Amino acid sequence: MIKKVEVKTSKIQGKGVYALADIKKGEVVLIIDDSHVVKDPTKLTNKQNEFDYDYLADGKVILMQSPEKYINHSCDPNTYTKTVNGIRNVIAMRDIKAGEEIIYDYSMNGDNNGTFICHCDSFRCRKIYQGNFFKLPANIQKEYLPYLEDWFIKEHNEEINKLTRTKEVPHIVH
């Protein structure tokens, strides 16, 4: 696979991941290295950066590697993650221009109580990041349904079914 991204300084936070060339909607931006499994997540300390870890199905915890560990959060993401044949991919939600920062919404597939002040500065910024998908506004939950990981849908089947049965809420069109 041709390298499509680079890590450099980000206006959102510290470092970020940027497109080296134009990327089309639906195209794989990068493949995530999930080989660094944390054997005992109870031994993680507050001294370690919590955003260096990714929490997956069945409590699996991954120590993220470069470049994926530098993908910043945005309330108006241009990518999402999807596991295909056991390999996690970062996929473009829309066309991405060369030089544009690769961003995704950390709340997507999120099941935690973490919060932080959001610095994404997008027109859709929620100001406070909320780590639990089901605490997002209903219109955003519905918008994100096609992008959820299969394992997340399986682990939260009851909540997802309730969400899909509720009356349609209009969402922001890009």
C-alpha atoms as a PDB file:
ATOM      1  CA  MET A   1       0.000   0.000   0.000  1.00  0.00           C
ATOM      2  CA  ILE A   2       1.261   3.459  -0.915  1.00  0.00           C
ATOM      3  CA  LYS A   3       1.821   5.723   2.083  1.00  0.00           C
ATOM      4  CA  LYS A   4      -1.060   8.218   2.100  1.00  0.00           C
ATOM      5  CA  VAL A   5      -0.402  10.089   5.342  1.00  0.00           C
ATOM      6  CA  GLU A   6       2.276  11.853   7.379  1.00  0.00           C
ATOM      7  CA  VAL A   7       2.507  13.028  10.987  1.00  0.00           C
ATOM      8  CA  LYS A   8       3.142  16.704  11.640  1.00  0.00           C
ATOM      9  CA  THR A   9       2.085  19.536  13.977  1.00  0.00           C
ATOM     10  CA  SER A  10      -1.681  19.967  14.383  1.00  0.00           C
ATOM     11  CA  LYS A  11      -3.720  23.033  15.331  1.00  0.00           C
ATOM     12  CA  ILE A  12      -6.137  20.690  17.135  1.00  0.00           C
ATOM     13  CA  GLN A  13      -3.625  19.166  19.526  1.00  0.00           C
ATOM     14  CA  GLY A  14       0.119  18.494  19.391  1.00  0.00           C
ATOM     15  CA  LYS A  15       0.684  16.212  16.451  1.00  0.00           C
ATOM     16  CA  GLY A  16      -1.804  15.170  13.795  1.00  0.00           C
ATOM     17  CA  VAL A  17      -2.049  12.941  10.733  1.00  0.00           C
ATOM     18  CA  TYR A  18      -2.303  14.599   7.318  1.00  0.00           C
ATOM     19  CA  ALA A  19      -3.150  13.389   3.817  1.00  0.00           C
ATOM     20  CA  LEU A  20      -0.179  13.338   1.429  1.00  0.00           C
ATOM     21  CA  ALA A  21      -2.508  13.204  -1.604  1.00  0.00           C
ATOM     22  CA  ASP A  22      -6.206  13.467  -2.351  1.00  0.00           C
ATOM     23  CA  ILE A  23      -8.166  10.547  -0.881  1.00  0.00           C
ATOM     24  CA  LYS A  24     -11.586   9.531  -2.225  1.00  0.00           C
ATOM     25  CA  LYS A  25     -14.638   8.758  -0.076  1.00  0.00           C
ATOM     26  CA  GLY A  26     -14.613   5.056   0.877  1.00  0.00           C
ATOM     27  CA  GLU A  27     -10.867   4.680   0.309  1.00  0.00           C
ATOM     28  CA  VAL A  28      -8.644   3.118   2.986  1.00  0.00           C
ATOM     29  CA  VAL A  29      -6.533   5.902   4.458  1.00  0.00           C
ATOM     30  CA  LEU A  30      -4.347   3.635   6.589  1.00  0.00           C
ATOM     31  CA  ILE A  31      -4.279   0.226   8.242  1.00  0.00           C
ATOM     32  CA  ILE A  32      -4.134   0.195  12.039  1.00  0.00           C
ATOM     33  CA  ASP A  33      -1.433  -1.910  13.705  1.00  0.00           C
ATOM     34  CA  ASP A  34      -3.331  -3.909  16.356  1.00  0.00           C
ATOM     35  CA  SER A  35      -0.412  -6.206  17.161  1.00  0.00           C
ATOM     36  CA  HIS A  36       0.560  -4.450  20.413  1.00  0.00           C
ATOM     37  CA  VAL A  37      -1.973  -5.986  22.797  1.00  0.00           C
ATOM     38  CA  VAL A  38      -1.892  -4.870  26.436  1.00  0.00           C
ATOM     39  CA  LYS A  39      -1.833  -8.131  28.397  1.00  0.00           C
ATOM     40  CA  ASP A  40      -3.030  -6.657  31.708  1.00  0.00           C
ATOM     41  CA  PRO A  41      -4.993  -3.381  31.312  1.00  0.00           C
ATOM     42  CA  THR A  42      -5.277  -3.075  35.123  1.00  0.00           C
ATOM     43  CA  LYS A  43      -1.562  -2.188  35.199  1.00  0.00           C
ATOM     44  CA  LEU A  44      -1.991   0.948  33.067  1.00  0.00           C
ATOM     45  CA  THR A  45      -1.150   4.000  35.138  1.00  0.00           C
ATOM     46  CA  ASN A  46      -2.271   7.611  35.019  1.00  0.00           C
ATOM     47  CA  LYS A  47       1.274   8.504  33.937  1.00  0.00           C
ATOM     48  CA  GLN A  48       0.633   6.845  30.595  1.00  0.00           C
ATOM     49  CA  ASN A  49      -1.296   8.812  27.979  1.00  0.00           C
ATOM     50  CA  GLU A  50      -4.791   7.331  27.903  1.00  0.00           C
ATOM     51  CA  PHE A  51      -5.163   8.321  24.240  1.00  0.00           C
ATOM     52  CA  ASP A  52      -2.285   6.022  23.284  1.00  0.00           C
ATOM     53  CA  TYR A  53      -4.629   3.086  23.897  1.00  0.00           C
ATOM     54  CA  ASP A  54      -7.601   1.825  21.939  1.00  0.00           C
ATOM     55  CA  TYR A  55     -10.327  -0.187  23.629  1.00  0.00           C
ATOM     56  CA  LEU A  56     -11.896  -2.828  21.395  1.00  0.00           C
ATOM     57  CA  ALA A  57     -14.284  -5.789  21.522  1.00  0.00           C
ATOM     58  CA  ASP A  58     -14.385  -8.035  24.569  1.00  0.00           C
ATOM     59  CA  GLY A  59     -12.200  -5.670  26.617  1.00  0.00           C
ATOM     60  CA  LYS A  60      -9.178  -5.974  24.311  1.00  0.00           C
ATOM     61  CA  VAL A  61      -6.769  -3.050  24.752  1.00  0.00           C
ATOM     62  CA  ILE A  62      -4.239  -2.042  22.079  1.00  0.00           C
ATOM     63  CA  LEU A  63      -1.193   0.215  22.485  1.00  0.00           C
ATOM     64  CA  MET A  64      -1.601   2.369  19.398  1.00  0.00           C
ATOM     65  CA  GLN A  65       1.331   2.987  17.091  1.00  0.00           C
ATOM     66  CA  SER A  66       2.297   5.844  14.781  1.00  0.00           C
ATOM     67  CA  PRO A  67       0.661   7.215  12.712  1.00  0.00           C
ATOM     68  CA  GLU A  68      -2.792   6.172  14.023  1.00  0.00           C
ATOM     69  CA  LYS A  69      -2.075   7.286  17.583  1.00  0.00           C
ATOM     70  CA  TYR A  70      -1.813  10.852  16.260  1.00  0.00           C
ATOM     71  CA  ILE A  71      -5.247  10.949  14.636  1.00  0.00           C
ATOM     72  CA  ASN A  72      -7.061  13.715  16.486  1.00  0.00           C
ATOM     73  CA  HIS A  73     -10.692  13.870  17.560  1.00  0.00           C
ATOM     74  CA  SER A  74     -13.157  16.053  15.692  1.00  0.00           C
ATOM     75  CA  CYS A  75     -16.901  16.513  16.070  1.00  0.00           C
ATOM     76  CA  ASP A  76     -16.947  16.732  12.240  1.00  0.00           C
ATOM     77  CA  PRO A  77     -14.873  13.672  11.257  1.00  0.00           C
ATOM     78  CA  ASN A  78     -13.607  12.831   7.794  1.00  0.00           C
ATOM     79  CA  THR A  79     -12.754   9.183   8.621  1.00  0.00           C
ATOM     80  CA  TYR A  80     -13.973   6.210  10.655  1.00  0.00           C
ATOM     81  CA  THR A  81     -12.551   2.817  11.574  1.00  0.00           C
ATOM     82  CA  LYS A  82     -13.886  -0.446  10.178  1.00  0.00           C
ATOM     83  CA  THR A  83     -12.558  -3.949  10.692  1.00  0.00           C
ATOM     84  CA  VAL A  84     -12.459  -5.957   7.466  1.00  0.00           C
ATOM     85  CA  ASN A  85     -11.243  -9.578   7.564  1.00  0.00           C
ATOM     86  CA  GLY A  86      -9.746  -8.998  11.024  1.00  0.00           C
ATOM     87  CA  ILE A  87      -7.806  -5.881   9.971  1.00  0.00           C
ATOM     88  CA  ARG A  88      -8.811  -2.469  11.270  1.00  0.00           C
ATOM     89  CA  ASN A  89      -8.817   0.229   8.623  1.00  0.00           C
ATOM     90  CA  VAL A  90      -9.219   3.985   8.745  1.00  0.00           C
ATOM     91  CA  ILE A  91     -11.618   4.799   5.890  1.00  0.00           C
ATOM     92  CA  ALA A  92     -12.539   8.161   4.358  1.00  0.00           C
ATOM     93  CA  MET A  93     -16.128   9.246   5.116  1.00  0.00           C
ATOM     94  CA  ARG A  94     -15.860  11.865   2.381  1.00  0.00           C
ATOM     95  CA  ASP A  95     -13.271  13.082  -0.108  1.00  0.00           C
ATOM     96  CA  ILE A  96     -10.160  14.388   1.663  1.00  0.00           C
ATOM     97  CA  LYS A  97      -7.825  16.899   0.049  1.00  0.00           C
ATOM     98  CA  ALA A  98      -4.023  16.639   0.124  1.00  0.00           C
ATOM     99  CA  GLY A  99      -2.737  18.481   3.199  1.00  0.00           C
ATOM    100  CA  GLU A 100      -6.018  18.057   5.125  1.00  0.00           C
ATOM    101  CA  GLU A 101      -5.848  16.633   8.645  1.00  0.00           C
ATOM    102  CA  ILE A 102      -7.200  13.094   9.083  1.00  0.00           C
ATOM    103  CA  ILE A 103      -9.686  13.214  11.984  1.00  0.00           C
ATOM    104  CA  TYR A 104     -12.316  10.985  13.501  1.00  0.00           C
ATOM    105  CA  ASP A 105     -14.880  11.250  16.249  1.00  0.00           C
ATOM    106  CA  TYR A 106     -13.516   9.321  19.232  1.00  0.00           C
ATOM    107  CA  SER A 107     -17.126   8.889  20.463  1.00  0.00           C
ATOM    108  CA  MET A 108     -17.911   6.601  17.537  1.00  0.00           C
ATOM    109  CA  ASN A 109     -17.727   3.030  18.920  1.00  0.00           C
ATOM    110  CA  GLY A 110     -17.077   4.625  22.319  1.00  0.00           C
ATOM    111  CA  ASP A 111     -18.234   3.043  25.554  1.00  0.00           C
ATOM    112  CA  ASN A 112     -16.549   5.005  28.327  1.00  0.00           C
ATOM    113  CA  ASN A 113     -17.227   7.915  30.636  1.00  0.00           C
ATOM    114  CA  GLY A 114     -14.238   9.981  29.532  1.00  0.00           C
ATOM    115  CA  THR A 115     -14.693  13.669  28.810  1.00  0.00           C
ATOM    116  CA  PHE A 116     -12.424  16.511  27.743  1.00  0.00           C
ATOM    117  CA  ILE A 117     -12.730  19.989  26.308  1.00  0.00           C
ATOM    118  CA  CYS A 118     -12.849  19.676  22.529  1.00  0.00           C
ATOM    119  CA  HIS A 119     -10.474  21.805  20.461  1.00  0.00           C
ATOM    120  CA  CYS A 120     -11.571  20.646  17.008  1.00  0.00           C
ATOM    121  CA  ASP A 121     -13.008  24.094  16.231  1.00  0.00           C
ATOM    122  CA  SER A 122     -15.359  22.655  13.592  1.00  0.00           C
ATOM    123  CA  PHE A 123     -18.760  24.197  12.901  1.00  0.00           C
ATOM    124  CA  ARG A 124     -20.248  21.056  14.513  1.00  0.00           C
ATOM    125  CA  CYS A 125     -18.067  21.207  17.627  1.00  0.00           C
ATOM    126  CA  ARG A 126     -19.908  19.920  20.710  1.00  0.00           C
ATOM    127  CA  LYS A 127     -17.363  21.770  22.957  1.00  0.00           C
ATOM    128  CA  ILE A 128     -17.101  18.793  25.342  1.00  0.00           C
ATOM    129  CA  TYR A 129     -16.012  15.353  24.153  1.00  0.00           C
ATOM    130  CA  GLN A 130     -18.165  12.599  25.629  1.00  0.00           C
ATOM    131  CA  GLY A 131     -16.709   9.079  25.336  1.00  0.00           C
ATOM    132  CA  ASN A 132     -20.018   7.227  25.308  1.00  0.00           C
ATOM    133  CA  PHE A 133     -21.665   6.890  21.885  1.00  0.00           C
ATOM    134  CA  PHE A 134     -25.092   6.673  23.495  1.00  0.00           C
ATOM    135  CA  LYS A 135     -24.671  10.075  25.168  1.00  0.00           C
ATOM    136  CA  LEU A 136     -24.254  11.774  21.787  1.00  0.00           C
ATOM    137  CA  PRO A 137     -27.290  13.683  20.444  1.00  0.00           C
ATOM    138  CA  ALA A 138     -29.736  11.243  18.800  1.00  0.00           C
ATOM    139  CA  ASN A 139     -29.301  12.782  15.335  1.00  0.00           C
ATOM    140  CA  ILE A 140     -25.528  12.190  15.488  1.00  0.00           C
ATOM    141  CA  GLN A 141     -25.999   8.605  16.730  1.00  0.00           C
ATOM    142  CA  LYS A 142     -28.263   7.929  13.739  1.00  0.00           C
ATOM    143  CA  GLU A 143     -25.816   9.608  11.359  1.00  0.00           C
ATOM    144  CA  TYR A 144     -22.999   7.378  12.661  1.00  0.00           C
ATOM    145  CA  LEU A 145     -24.941   4.078  12.451  1.00  0.00           C
ATOM    146  CA  PRO A 146     -23.455   3.062   9.048  1.00  0.00           C
ATOM    147  CA  TYR A 147     -19.940   3.656  10.385  1.00  0.00           C
ATOM    148  CA  LEU A 148     -20.119   1.597  13.585  1.00  0.00           C
ATOM    149  CA  GLU A 149     -17.893  -1.444  14.000  1.00  0.00           C
ATOM    150  CA  ASP A 150     -19.666  -4.822  13.861  1.00  0.00           C
ATOM    151  CA  TRP A 151     -18.318  -5.733  17.311  1.00  0.00           C
ATOM    152  CA  PHE A 152     -19.760  -2.503  18.772  1.00  0.00           C
ATOM    153  CA  ILE A 153     -23.183  -3.223  17.270  1.00  0.00           C
ATOM    154  CA  LYS A 154     -23.056  -6.788  18.617  1.00  0.00           C
ATOM    155  CA  GLU A 155     -21.999  -5.679  22.129  1.00  0.00           C
ATOM    156  CA  HIS A 156     -24.690  -2.978  22.196  1.00  0.00           C
ATOM    157  CA  ASN A 157     -27.391  -4.714  20.181  1.00  0.00           C
ATOM    158  CA  GLU A 158     -30.281  -3.698  22.467  1.00  0.00           C
ATOM    159  CA  GLU A 159     -29.365   0.010  22.490  1.00  0.00           C
ATOM    160  CA  ILE A 160     -28.734   0.038  18.720  1.00  0.00           C
ATOM    161  CA  ASN A 161     -32.112  -1.623  18.086  1.00  0.00           C
ATOM    162  CA  LYS A 162     -33.841   1.024  20.232  1.00  0.00           C
ATOM    163  CA  LEU A 163     -32.053   3.745  18.306  1.00  0.00           C
ATOM    164  CA  THR A 164     -33.069   2.344  14.912  1.00  0.00           C
ATOM    165  CA  ARG A 165     -36.718   2.072  16.031  1.00  0.00           C
ATOM    166  CA  THR A 166     -37.008   5.717  17.123  1.00  0.00           C
ATOM    167  CA  LYS A 167     -38.518   8.379  14.920  1.00  0.00           C
ATOM    168  CA  GLU A 168     -36.089   9.815  12.354  1.00  0.00           C
ATOM    169  CA  VAL A 169     -34.349  13.008  13.466  1.00  0.00           C
ATOM    170  CA  PRO A 170     -32.984  15.358  10.809  1.00  0.00           C
ATOM    171  CA  HIS A 171     -29.211  15.724  10.765  1.00  0.00           C
ATOM    172  CA  ILE A 172     -26.757  18.244   9.424  1.00  0.00           C
ATOM    173  CA  VAL A 173     -25.940  17.710   5.757  1.00  0.00           C
ATOM    174  CA  HIS A 174     -22.365  18.396   4.667  1.00  0.00           C
END
